[in-house]
Amino acid sequence: MHWYTDVIRRYAEFDGRSGRPEFWWFALWNIVITGVLFIVGAAVSSSHGALLVDLYGLLVLLPSLGVEIRRLHDTNRSGWWILLALIPIVGTIVLIVFFASAGTPGPNRYGAEPSSGAAVA
């Protein structure tokens, strides 16, 4: 759970690096929370499920962008590569490959290698 809270704490930090565990655990928690919010909202009313998910999406927009950009930095890529998401299907697939790629060992132009045991503070 600390991966999720660490990313939320660093919500507007777009410099530095984030390792694979930090990124993927944050993504997993987002999927779980989104699913729970949708189920709870749909149980209350058919239109509230999507509303809760949309509000949550707005709340985690900056932390998500931050961790995605830091993850790209870990692979020694500019954060501008995030714009690939604007290309339907292919851009998303390419970004998933980038996010799943191993980070640059040792320091790179974006900073020191993130610790494998804990999120970099």
C-alpha atoms as a PDB file:
ATOM      1  CA  MET A   1       0.000   0.000   0.000  1.00  0.00           C
ATOM      2  CA  HIS A   2       2.938   2.366   0.573  1.00  0.00           C
ATOM      3  CA  TRP A   3       3.533   2.475  -3.204  1.00  0.00           C
ATOM      4  CA  TYR A   4       0.129   4.089  -3.641  1.00  0.00           C
ATOM      5  CA  THR A   5       0.498   6.599  -0.814  1.00  0.00           C
ATOM      6  CA  ASP A   6       4.052   7.517  -1.867  1.00  0.00           C
ATOM      7  CA  VAL A   7       2.838   8.389  -5.363  1.00  0.00           C
ATOM      8  CA  ILE A   8      -0.061  10.421  -3.941  1.00  0.00           C
ATOM      9  CA  ARG A   9       2.370  12.307  -1.674  1.00  0.00           C
ATOM     10  CA  ARG A  10       4.548  13.149  -4.698  1.00  0.00           C
ATOM     11  CA  TYR A  11       1.478  14.158  -6.722  1.00  0.00           C
ATOM     12  CA  ALA A  12       3.023  17.121  -8.563  1.00  0.00           C
ATOM     13  CA  GLU A  13       6.596  15.875  -8.834  1.00  0.00           C
ATOM     14  CA  PHE A  14       7.524  15.300 -12.453  1.00  0.00           C
ATOM     15  CA  ASP A  15      11.293  15.085 -12.097  1.00  0.00           C
ATOM     16  CA  GLY A  16      13.323  12.147 -10.889  1.00  0.00           C
ATOM     17  CA  ARG A  17      12.707   8.460 -11.465  1.00  0.00           C
ATOM     18  CA  SER A  18      10.165   5.818 -10.427  1.00  0.00           C
ATOM     19  CA  GLY A  19      10.874   2.118 -10.563  1.00  0.00           C
ATOM     20  CA  ARG A  20       8.631  -0.570 -11.975  1.00  0.00           C
ATOM     21  CA  PRO A  21       7.186  -1.645  -8.602  1.00  0.00           C
ATOM     22  CA  GLU A  22       6.120   1.888  -7.720  1.00  0.00           C
ATOM     23  CA  PHE A  23       4.405   2.380 -11.078  1.00  0.00           C
ATOM     24  CA  TRP A  24       2.709  -1.021 -11.336  1.00  0.00           C
ATOM     25  CA  TRP A  25       1.499  -1.158  -7.720  1.00  0.00           C
ATOM     26  CA  PHE A  26       0.014   2.316  -8.146  1.00  0.00           C
ATOM     27  CA  ALA A  27      -1.693   1.174 -11.347  1.00  0.00           C
ATOM     28  CA  LEU A  28      -3.058  -1.964  -9.644  1.00  0.00           C
ATOM     29  CA  TRP A  29      -4.470   0.018  -6.711  1.00  0.00           C
ATOM     30  CA  ASN A  30      -6.083   2.449  -9.151  1.00  0.00           C
ATOM     31  CA  ILE A  31      -7.790  -0.424 -10.963  1.00  0.00           C
ATOM     32  CA  VAL A  32      -9.037  -1.937  -7.692  1.00  0.00           C
ATOM     33  CA  ILE A  33     -10.304   1.395  -6.333  1.00  0.00           C
ATOM     34  CA  THR A  34     -11.973   2.243  -9.644  1.00  0.00           C
ATOM     35  CA  GLY A  35     -13.725  -1.130  -9.707  1.00  0.00           C
ATOM     36  CA  VAL A  36     -14.963  -0.786  -6.135  1.00  0.00           C
ATOM     37  CA  LEU A  37     -16.207   2.770  -6.749  1.00  0.00           C
ATOM     38  CA  PHE A  38     -18.037   1.667  -9.874  1.00  0.00           C
ATOM     39  CA  ILE A  39     -19.720  -1.262  -8.105  1.00  0.00           C
ATOM     40  CA  VAL A  40     -20.722   0.867  -5.099  1.00  0.00           C
ATOM     41  CA  GLY A  41     -21.982   3.673  -7.337  1.00  0.00           C
ATOM     42  CA  ALA A  42     -23.908   1.283  -9.570  1.00  0.00           C
ATOM     43  CA  ALA A  43     -25.514  -0.313  -6.514  1.00  0.00           C
ATOM     44  CA  VAL A  44     -26.783   3.094  -5.408  1.00  0.00           C
ATOM     45  CA  SER A  45     -27.937   4.249  -8.837  1.00  0.00           C
ATOM     46  CA  SER A  46     -27.084   3.318 -12.414  1.00  0.00           C
ATOM     47  CA  SER A  47     -25.654   6.764 -13.193  1.00  0.00           C
ATOM     48  CA  HIS A  48     -23.620   7.177  -9.988  1.00  0.00           C
ATOM     49  CA  GLY A  49     -21.107   4.436 -10.839  1.00  0.00           C
ATOM     50  CA  ALA A  50     -19.630   6.367 -13.727  1.00  0.00           C
ATOM     51  CA  LEU A  51     -19.781   9.629 -11.773  1.00  0.00           C
ATOM     52  CA  LEU A  52     -17.737   8.219  -8.869  1.00  0.00           C
ATOM     53  CA  VAL A  53     -15.175   6.760 -11.268  1.00  0.00           C
ATOM     54  CA  ASP A  54     -14.879  10.075 -13.121  1.00  0.00           C
ATOM     55  CA  LEU A  55     -14.381  12.014  -9.877  1.00  0.00           C
ATOM     56  CA  TYR A  56     -11.729   9.558  -8.722  1.00  0.00           C
ATOM     57  CA  GLY A  57     -10.033   9.857 -12.118  1.00  0.00           C
ATOM     58  CA  LEU A  58      -9.822  13.615 -11.680  1.00  0.00           C
ATOM     59  CA  LEU A  59      -8.403  13.217  -8.178  1.00  0.00           C
ATOM     60  CA  VAL A  60      -5.571  10.954  -9.326  1.00  0.00           C
ATOM     61  CA  LEU A  61      -4.867  12.689 -12.647  1.00  0.00           C
ATOM     62  CA  LEU A  62      -1.759  14.596 -11.484  1.00  0.00           C
ATOM     63  CA  PRO A  63      -0.311  11.718  -9.423  1.00  0.00           C
ATOM     64  CA  SER A  64      -0.834   9.383 -12.401  1.00  0.00           C
ATOM     65  CA  LEU A  65       0.883  11.750 -14.813  1.00  0.00           C
ATOM     66  CA  GLY A  66       3.711  12.248 -12.327  1.00  0.00           C
ATOM     67  CA  VAL A  67       4.419   8.557 -11.838  1.00  0.00           C
ATOM     68  CA  GLU A  68       4.114   7.870 -15.579  1.00  0.00           C
ATOM     69  CA  ILE A  69       6.600  10.614 -16.427  1.00  0.00           C
ATOM     70  CA  ARG A  70       9.001   9.493 -13.688  1.00  0.00           C
ATOM     71  CA  ARG A  71       8.691   5.922 -14.995  1.00  0.00           C
ATOM     72  CA  LEU A  72       9.651   7.121 -18.477  1.00  0.00           C
ATOM     73  CA  HIS A  73      12.588   8.959 -16.906  1.00  0.00           C
ATOM     74  CA  ASP A  74      13.702   5.678 -15.342  1.00  0.00           C
ATOM     75  CA  THR A  75      13.930   4.191 -18.840  1.00  0.00           C
ATOM     76  CA  ASN A  76      15.968   7.268 -19.890  1.00  0.00           C
ATOM     77  CA  ARG A  77      13.142   8.699 -21.992  1.00  0.00           C
ATOM     78  CA  SER A  78      11.721  12.198 -21.907  1.00  0.00           C
ATOM     79  CA  GLY A  79       8.383  12.706 -20.207  1.00  0.00           C
ATOM     80  CA  TRP A  80       7.046  14.027 -23.507  1.00  0.00           C
ATOM     81  CA  TRP A  81       6.742  10.387 -24.650  1.00  0.00           C
ATOM     82  CA  ILE A  82       3.525  10.368 -22.593  1.00  0.00           C
ATOM     83  CA  LEU A  83       1.894  12.098 -25.571  1.00  0.00           C
ATOM     84  CA  LEU A  84       1.939   8.721 -27.335  1.00  0.00           C
ATOM     85  CA  ALA A  85      -1.251   8.051 -25.397  1.00  0.00           C
ATOM     86  CA  LEU A  86      -2.993  10.387 -27.847  1.00  0.00           C
ATOM     87  CA  ILE A  87      -2.451   7.831 -30.631  1.00  0.00           C
ATOM     88  CA  PRO A  88      -5.283   5.292 -30.376  1.00  0.00           C
ATOM     89  CA  ILE A  89      -4.328   1.695 -29.509  1.00  0.00           C
ATOM     90  CA  VAL A  90      -0.747   1.766 -30.863  1.00  0.00           C
ATOM     91  CA  GLY A  91       0.340   4.610 -28.574  1.00  0.00           C
ATOM     92  CA  THR A  92      -1.076   2.840 -25.527  1.00  0.00           C
ATOM     93  CA  ILE A  93       0.668  -0.417 -26.433  1.00  0.00           C
ATOM     94  CA  VAL A  94       4.004   1.357 -26.922  1.00  0.00           C
ATOM     95  CA  LEU A  95       3.643   3.125 -23.564  1.00  0.00           C
ATOM     96  CA  ILE A  96       2.851  -0.163 -21.799  1.00  0.00           C
ATOM     97  CA  VAL A  97       6.042  -1.619 -23.285  1.00  0.00           C
ATOM     98  CA  PHE A  98       8.011   1.423 -22.096  1.00  0.00           C
ATOM     99  CA  PHE A  99       6.487   1.192 -18.609  1.00  0.00           C
ATOM    100  CA  ALA A 100       7.293  -2.535 -18.400  1.00  0.00           C
ATOM    101  CA  SER A 101      10.883  -2.083 -19.596  1.00  0.00           C
ATOM    102  CA  ALA A 102      13.717  -2.272 -17.116  1.00  0.00           C
ATOM    103  CA  GLY A 103      15.061   1.047 -15.954  1.00  0.00           C
ATOM    104  CA  THR A 104      18.515   2.331 -16.750  1.00  0.00           C
ATOM    105  CA  PRO A 105      20.989   0.788 -14.277  1.00  0.00           C
ATOM    106  CA  GLY A 106      22.792   3.396 -12.231  1.00  0.00           C
ATOM    107  CA  PRO A 107      22.249   7.125 -12.553  1.00  0.00           C
ATOM    108  CA  ASN A 108      20.986   8.639 -15.789  1.00  0.00           C
ATOM    109  CA  ARG A 109      20.237  12.208 -16.872  1.00  0.00           C
ATOM    110  CA  TYR A 110      17.089  12.229 -14.705  1.00  0.00           C
ATOM    111  CA  GLY A 111      18.707  11.233 -11.430  1.00  0.00           C
ATOM    112  CA  ALA A 112      19.841   8.320  -9.341  1.00  0.00           C
ATOM    113  CA  GLU A 113      18.446   4.829  -9.749  1.00  0.00           C
ATOM    114  CA  PRO A 114      15.306   4.314  -7.650  1.00  0.00           C
ATOM    115  CA  SER A 115      15.631   1.878  -4.773  1.00  0.00           C
ATOM    116  CA  SER A 116      14.156  -1.567  -5.480  1.00  0.00           C
ATOM    117  CA  GLY A 117      12.980  -2.008  -1.899  1.00  0.00           C
ATOM    118  CA  ALA A 118      11.025   1.202  -1.385  1.00  0.00           C
ATOM    119  CA  ALA A 119       9.767   4.205  -3.252  1.00  0.00           C
ATOM    120  CA  VAL A 120      12.213   7.049  -3.664  1.00  0.00           C
ATOM    121  CA  ALA A 121      11.237   9.941  -1.414  1.00  0.00           C
END
